[in-house]
Every structure is written in structure tokens, then in C-alpha cells.
C-alpha atoms as a PDB file:
ATOM      1  CA  MET A   1      -1.712 -31.694  -5.571  1.00  0.00           C
ATOM      2  CA  ASP A   2       1.632 -32.152  -7.274  1.00  0.00           C
ATOM      3  CA  PHE A   3       4.119 -29.344  -7.802  1.00  0.00           C
ATOM      4  CA  LEU A   4       3.282 -28.797 -11.479  1.00  0.00           C
ATOM      5  CA  GLU A   5      -0.398 -28.381 -10.597  1.00  0.00           C
ATOM      6  CA  LEU A   6       0.545 -25.898  -7.869  1.00  0.00           C
ATOM      7  CA  THR A   7       2.606 -23.820 -10.319  1.00  0.00           C
ATOM      8  CA  LYS A   8      -0.364 -23.765 -12.682  1.00  0.00           C
ATOM      9  CA  ARG A   9      -2.689 -22.672  -9.868  1.00  0.00           C
ATOM     10  CA  ARG A  10      -0.521 -19.681  -8.842  1.00  0.00           C
ATOM     11  CA  TYR A  11      -1.306 -16.532 -10.803  1.00  0.00           C
ATOM     12  CA  SER A  12      -1.191 -12.758 -10.370  1.00  0.00           C
ATOM     13  CA  CYS A  13      -4.447 -12.101  -8.541  1.00  0.00           C
ATOM     14  CA  ARG A  14      -5.742  -8.553  -8.893  1.00  0.00           C
ATOM     15  CA  SER A  15      -9.079  -8.771  -7.106  1.00  0.00           C
ATOM     16  CA  TYR A  16      -9.694  -9.898  -3.536  1.00  0.00           C
ATOM     17  CA  MET A  17     -12.755 -10.777  -1.487  1.00  0.00           C
ATOM     18  CA  PRO A  18     -13.410  -8.694   1.637  1.00  0.00           C
ATOM     19  CA  LYS A  19     -12.538 -11.658   3.835  1.00  0.00           C
ATOM     20  CA  SER A  20      -9.674 -11.753   6.309  1.00  0.00           C
ATOM     21  CA  VAL A  21      -6.892 -14.307   6.033  1.00  0.00           C
ATOM     22  CA  GLU A  22      -6.648 -16.763   8.906  1.00  0.00           C
ATOM     23  CA  GLN A  23      -3.562 -16.419  11.114  1.00  0.00           C
ATOM     24  CA  GLU A  24      -2.812 -20.148  10.710  1.00  0.00           C
ATOM     25  CA  LYS A  25      -2.524 -19.683   6.951  1.00  0.00           C
ATOM     26  CA  LEU A  26      -0.246 -16.663   7.347  1.00  0.00           C
ATOM     27  CA  ASP A  27       1.918 -18.610   9.804  1.00  0.00           C
ATOM     28  CA  TYR A  28       2.171 -21.548   7.384  1.00  0.00           C
ATOM     29  CA  ILE A  29       3.048 -19.272   4.453  1.00  0.00           C
ATOM     30  CA  MET A  30       5.723 -17.454   6.420  1.00  0.00           C
ATOM     31  CA  GLU A  31       7.210 -20.756   7.590  1.00  0.00           C
ATOM     32  CA  CYS A  32       7.540 -21.718   3.911  1.00  0.00           C
ATOM     33  CA  VAL A  33       9.265 -18.379   3.319  1.00  0.00           C
ATOM     34  CA  ARG A  34      11.599 -18.984   6.260  1.00  0.00           C
ATOM     35  CA  MET A  35      12.688 -22.265   4.664  1.00  0.00           C
ATOM     36  CA  SER A  36      13.617 -20.592   1.353  1.00  0.00           C
ATOM     37  CA  PRO A  37      17.184 -21.106   0.186  1.00  0.00           C
ATOM     38  CA  SER A  38      19.576 -18.183  -0.185  1.00  0.00           C
ATOM     39  CA  ALA A  39      23.149 -17.693  -1.316  1.00  0.00           C
ATOM     40  CA  VAL A  40      25.534 -18.988   1.368  1.00  0.00           C
ATOM     41  CA  ASN A  41      22.405 -19.289   3.590  1.00  0.00           C
ATOM     42  CA  ARG A  42      22.643 -15.565   4.419  1.00  0.00           C
ATOM     43  CA  GLN A  43      18.845 -15.100   4.409  1.00  0.00           C
ATOM     44  CA  PRO A  44      19.241 -11.358   3.735  1.00  0.00           C
ATOM     45  CA  TRP A  45      15.588 -10.492   4.083  1.00  0.00           C
ATOM     46  CA  ARG A  46      12.846  -9.140   6.286  1.00  0.00           C
ATOM     47  CA  PHE A  47       9.116  -9.442   5.843  1.00  0.00           C
ATOM     48  CA  ARG A  48       6.411  -7.291   7.338  1.00  0.00           C
ATOM     49  CA  ILE A  49       2.805  -8.451   7.342  1.00  0.00           C
ATOM     50  CA  VAL A  50       0.522  -5.461   6.907  1.00  0.00           C
ATOM     51  CA  SER A  51      -3.147  -5.861   7.743  1.00  0.00           C
ATOM     52  CA  SER A  52      -4.249  -2.895   9.863  1.00  0.00           C
ATOM     53  CA  ASP A  53      -6.279  -0.212   8.122  1.00  0.00           C
ATOM     54  CA  ASP A  54      -3.717   2.471   8.996  1.00  0.00           C
ATOM     55  CA  ASP A  55      -0.782   0.497   7.611  1.00  0.00           C
ATOM     56  CA  ARG A  56      -2.719  -0.507   4.496  1.00  0.00           C
ATOM     57  CA  ARG A  57      -3.472   3.192   3.871  1.00  0.00           C
ATOM     58  CA  LYS A  58       0.259   3.909   4.122  1.00  0.00           C
ATOM     59  CA  LEU A  59       0.936   1.201   1.530  1.00  0.00           C
ATOM     60  CA  ASN A  60      -1.811   2.457  -0.747  1.00  0.00           C
ATOM     61  CA  SER A  61      -0.030   5.812  -0.840  1.00  0.00           C
ATOM     62  CA  CYS A  62       3.023   3.935  -2.186  1.00  0.00           C
ATOM     63  CA  TYR A  63       1.017   2.063  -4.822  1.00  0.00           C
ATOM     64  CA  ASP A  64      -2.344   3.666  -5.510  1.00  0.00           C
ATOM     65  CA  ARG A  65      -4.390   1.015  -7.300  1.00  0.00           C
ATOM     66  CA  GLU A  66      -7.962   0.070  -6.433  1.00  0.00           C
ATOM     67  CA  TRP A  67      -7.321  -3.655  -6.827  1.00  0.00           C
ATOM     68  CA  PHE A  68      -4.296  -3.450  -4.513  1.00  0.00           C
ATOM     69  CA  ALA A  69      -6.366  -1.714  -1.825  1.00  0.00           C
ATOM     70  CA  SER A  70      -8.833  -4.626  -1.927  1.00  0.00           C
ATOM     71  CA  ALA A  71      -6.286  -7.089  -0.484  1.00  0.00           C
ATOM     72  CA  PRO A  72      -6.845  -7.716   3.244  1.00  0.00           C
ATOM     73  CA  VAL A  73      -3.125  -8.417   3.783  1.00  0.00           C
ATOM     74  CA  VAL A  74       0.022  -7.165   2.088  1.00  0.00           C
ATOM     75  CA  VAL A  75       3.505  -8.463   2.802  1.00  0.00           C
ATOM     76  CA  ILE A  76       6.435  -6.096   2.409  1.00  0.00           C
ATOM     77  CA  ALA A  77       9.516  -8.071   1.355  1.00  0.00           C
ATOM     78  CA  SER A  78      12.784  -6.251   1.839  1.00  0.00           C
ATOM     79  CA  VAL A  79      16.421  -7.029   1.133  1.00  0.00           C
ATOM     80  CA  LEU A  80      19.017  -6.441   3.845  1.00  0.00           C
ATOM     81  CA  HIS A  81      21.913  -5.313   1.687  1.00  0.00           C
ATOM     82  CA  ASP A  82      24.386  -5.435   4.579  1.00  0.00           C
ATOM     83  CA  GLU A  83      23.689  -9.153   4.921  1.00  0.00           C
ATOM     84  CA  GLU A  84      23.521 -10.276   1.282  1.00  0.00           C
ATOM     85  CA  TRP A  85      26.248 -12.462  -0.187  1.00  0.00           C
ATOM     86  CA  VAL A  86      28.436 -10.842  -2.847  1.00  0.00           C
ATOM     87  CA  ARG A  87      30.188 -13.064  -5.374  1.00  0.00           C
ATOM     88  CA  ALA A  88      33.932 -12.570  -5.981  1.00  0.00           C
ATOM     89  CA  ASP A  89      33.222 -10.627  -9.178  1.00  0.00           C
ATOM     90  CA  GLY A  90      31.041  -8.155  -7.239  1.00  0.00           C
ATOM     91  CA  LYS A  91      27.598  -9.561  -8.120  1.00  0.00           C
ATOM     92  CA  HIS A  92      25.151  -8.990  -5.261  1.00  0.00           C
ATOM     93  CA  HIS A  93      22.689 -11.820  -4.631  1.00  0.00           C
ATOM     94  CA  GLY A  94      20.138 -10.130  -2.356  1.00  0.00           C
ATOM     95  CA  ASN A  95      17.667  -9.552  -5.177  1.00  0.00           C
ATOM     96  CA  ILE A  96      17.955 -13.177  -6.264  1.00  0.00           C
ATOM     97  CA  ASP A  97      17.452 -14.380  -2.696  1.00  0.00           C
ATOM     98  CA  ILE A  98      14.382 -12.212  -2.112  1.00  0.00           C
ATOM     99  CA  ALA A  99      12.911 -13.415  -5.417  1.00  0.00           C
ATOM    100  CA  ILE A 100      13.242 -17.037  -4.327  1.00  0.00           C
ATOM    101  CA  ALA A 101      11.634 -16.279  -0.958  1.00  0.00           C
ATOM    102  CA  VAL A 102       8.773 -14.297  -2.509  1.00  0.00           C
ATOM    103  CA  GLU A 103       7.974 -17.078  -4.935  1.00  0.00           C
ATOM    104  CA  HIS A 104       7.939 -19.536  -2.012  1.00  0.00           C
ATOM    105  CA  LEU A 105       5.424 -17.151  -0.424  1.00  0.00           C
ATOM    106  CA  CYS A 106       3.243 -17.030  -3.539  1.00  0.00           C
ATOM    107  CA  LEU A 107       3.294 -20.793  -4.045  1.00  0.00           C
ATOM    108  CA  ALA A 108       2.479 -21.421  -0.377  1.00  0.00           C
ATOM    109  CA  ALA A 109      -0.394 -18.933  -0.630  1.00  0.00           C
ATOM    110  CA  ALA A 110      -1.755 -20.760  -3.692  1.00  0.00           C
ATOM    111  CA  GLU A 111      -1.506 -24.065  -1.853  1.00  0.00           C
ATOM    112  CA  GLN A 112      -3.555 -22.520   0.985  1.00  0.00           C
ATOM    113  CA  GLY A 113      -6.249 -21.350  -1.438  1.00  0.00           C
ATOM    114  CA  LEU A 114      -5.156 -17.703  -1.442  1.00  0.00           C
ATOM    115  CA  GLY A 115      -4.398 -15.321  -4.258  1.00  0.00           C
ATOM    116  CA  SER A 116      -1.223 -13.246  -4.440  1.00  0.00           C
ATOM    117  CA  CYS A 117       0.604 -10.944  -6.811  1.00  0.00           C
ATOM    118  CA  TRP A 118       4.126  -9.579  -7.169  1.00  0.00           C
ATOM    119  CA  VAL A 119       4.098  -5.779  -7.045  1.00  0.00           C
ATOM    120  CA  CYS A 120       7.411  -4.155  -7.907  1.00  0.00           C
ATOM    121  CA  ASN A 121       6.117  -0.932  -9.479  1.00  0.00           C
ATOM    122  CA  PHE A 122       5.663   1.024  -6.256  1.00  0.00           C
ATOM    123  CA  ASP A 123       7.345   3.993  -4.607  1.00  0.00           C
ATOM    124  CA  ALA A 124       9.998   2.101  -2.628  1.00  0.00           C
ATOM    125  CA  ARG A 125      11.449   5.195  -0.934  1.00  0.00           C
ATOM    126  CA  LYS A 126       8.021   6.286   0.276  1.00  0.00           C
ATOM    127  CA  CYS A 127       7.405   2.756   1.592  1.00  0.00           C
ATOM    128  CA  GLU A 128      10.759   2.676   3.372  1.00  0.00           C
ATOM    129  CA  GLU A 129      10.006   6.006   5.040  1.00  0.00           C
ATOM    130  CA  ALA A 130       6.409   5.125   5.948  1.00  0.00           C
ATOM    131  CA  PHE A 131       7.495   1.920   7.677  1.00  0.00           C
ATOM    132  CA  SER A 132      10.814   3.217   9.059  1.00  0.00           C
ATOM    133  CA  LEU A 133      13.004   0.632   7.362  1.00  0.00           C
ATOM    134  CA  ALA A 134      16.585   0.500   8.609  1.00  0.00           C
ATOM    135  CA  ASP A 135      19.575   1.794   6.669  1.00  0.00           C
ATOM    136  CA  GLY A 136      20.640  -0.851   4.166  1.00  0.00           C
ATOM    137  CA  GLU A 137      17.116  -2.318   4.025  1.00  0.00           C
ATOM    138  CA  GLU A 138      15.387  -1.955   0.658  1.00  0.00           C
ATOM    139  CA  ALA A 139      11.671  -2.535   0.140  1.00  0.00           C
ATOM    140  CA  SER A 140      11.792  -4.794  -2.920  1.00  0.00           C
ATOM    141  CA  VAL A 141       8.378  -6.369  -3.406  1.00  0.00           C
ATOM    142  CA  LEU A 142       4.858  -5.879  -2.106  1.00  0.00           C
ATOM    143  CA  ILE A 143       2.743  -9.031  -2.085  1.00  0.00           C
ATOM    144  CA  PRO A 144      -1.000  -8.615  -1.615  1.00  0.00           C
ATOM    145  CA  LEU A 145      -2.665 -11.741  -0.182  1.00  0.00           C
ATOM    146  CA  GLY A 146      -6.266 -12.766   0.156  1.00  0.00           C
ATOM    147  CA  TYR A 147      -9.097 -14.856  -1.148  1.00  0.00           C
ATOM    148  CA  ALA A 148      -9.365 -14.282  -4.890  1.00  0.00           C
ATOM    149  CA  ALA A 149     -12.437 -12.552  -6.261  1.00  0.00           C
ATOM    150  CA  ASP A 150     -11.316 -13.129  -9.850  1.00  0.00           C
ATOM    151  CA  GLU A 151     -10.398 -16.102 -11.988  1.00  0.00           C
ATOM    152  CA  PRO A 152      -6.955 -16.699 -13.472  1.00  0.00           C
ATOM    153  CA  LYS A 153      -6.551 -15.887 -17.114  1.00  0.00           C
ATOM    154  CA  ALA A 154      -4.835 -18.376 -19.395  1.00  0.00           C
ATOM    155  CA  LYS A 155      -1.061 -18.180 -18.986  1.00  0.00           C
ATOM    156  CA  LYS A 156       0.899 -17.613 -22.143  1.00  0.00           C
ATOM    157  CA  ARG A 157       4.166 -19.470 -21.948  1.00  0.00           C
ATOM    158  CA  LYS A 158       6.968 -19.976 -24.420  1.00  0.00           C
ATOM    159  CA  ASP A 159       7.357 -23.395 -25.971  1.00  0.00           C
ATOM    160  CA  MET A 160       9.895 -25.677 -24.320  1.00  0.00           C
ATOM    161  CA  ALA A 161      12.112 -25.449 -27.427  1.00  0.00           C
ATOM    162  CA  ASP A 162      12.284 -21.676 -26.926  1.00  0.00           C
ATOM    163  CA  ILE A 163      13.646 -21.864 -23.391  1.00  0.00           C
ATOM    164  CA  LEU A 164      16.107 -24.751 -23.639  1.00  0.00           C
ATOM    165  CA  TRP A 165      19.517 -24.340 -25.289  1.00  0.00           C
END
């Protein structure tokens, strides 16, 4: 499949089959994440793969949605603020870097036949406490992963003329 087809295949999956994700697929996805570019190659990130029932319960307390609880795996993506590059004018790039890495994750998951979704509307402080994140480490995104039990809805996108200037 070409890259355009892959981008069309990736969508925000909000329903997962009760089927575990193979370790080989998780390893492949995380290798794609590891290869993500970052500002000045700082790679200011950490990822935690959550699949145990106890850890998934902890995450569900941070984002209490039935569809989210149906995912067999959730990845916690966090920014290491002490390691992020800061531009001369003071702009921090950690959030940009984590966004690039998370989208690599989601595209790799789609390529492997898995659904994923960006979840940013969660209780980050509760997540950081529940998983004992280090000082300077911010839980930025939760990414549920699994075999989709739903179908993608048509994507509404702006016309090309509306995004080019």
C-alpha cells in the first residue's frame, strides 16, 4: 500500500475487538516510533505499553469511557521536558516531537491492521501519579490500540485550496 492509502486507512477507532495484540506487531510499531524525527534529534519522549488488567483499570480512572476500556492495549506517550529542544525565542518543541512520534505510532498500527486513536482529554496528573512518572515527564497522549470492531466514518477534509497559501 502506498503512503496516501495508509493515511486514508488510519482513523480514530473507538471500538475494539476483545482480541490481544501480537507482541511482534507491538515491537514493529514501537520501532517505527523509535525512528521518528525530533528537533535536534533530542527524542524527548517515553512510551509505556499498558496491557495488564490492573494497569488498564488505572488508565480507565484517568479517562472513563466505555470504548476506551475496550482496547486491549493502551500506550502512554509522555514528553520529557528536561530533554526537549527549546528554540532561541523560547519555543519548546517537546509537544511537536511527541505529536510526530504518536502519528508514526498510529500510522504503523494502521499498516499492521490495528485501530488506534489519539486521546488527549484525560486527567494527565492522575495518570502521572498512577504510573509514577518522573519529575519533568508529562503524560501527553493516550493511544488505545487493538483490532477495530467498528468501521471508519467518512473523513471530512478541507479542499486543497483552503489549506494552501
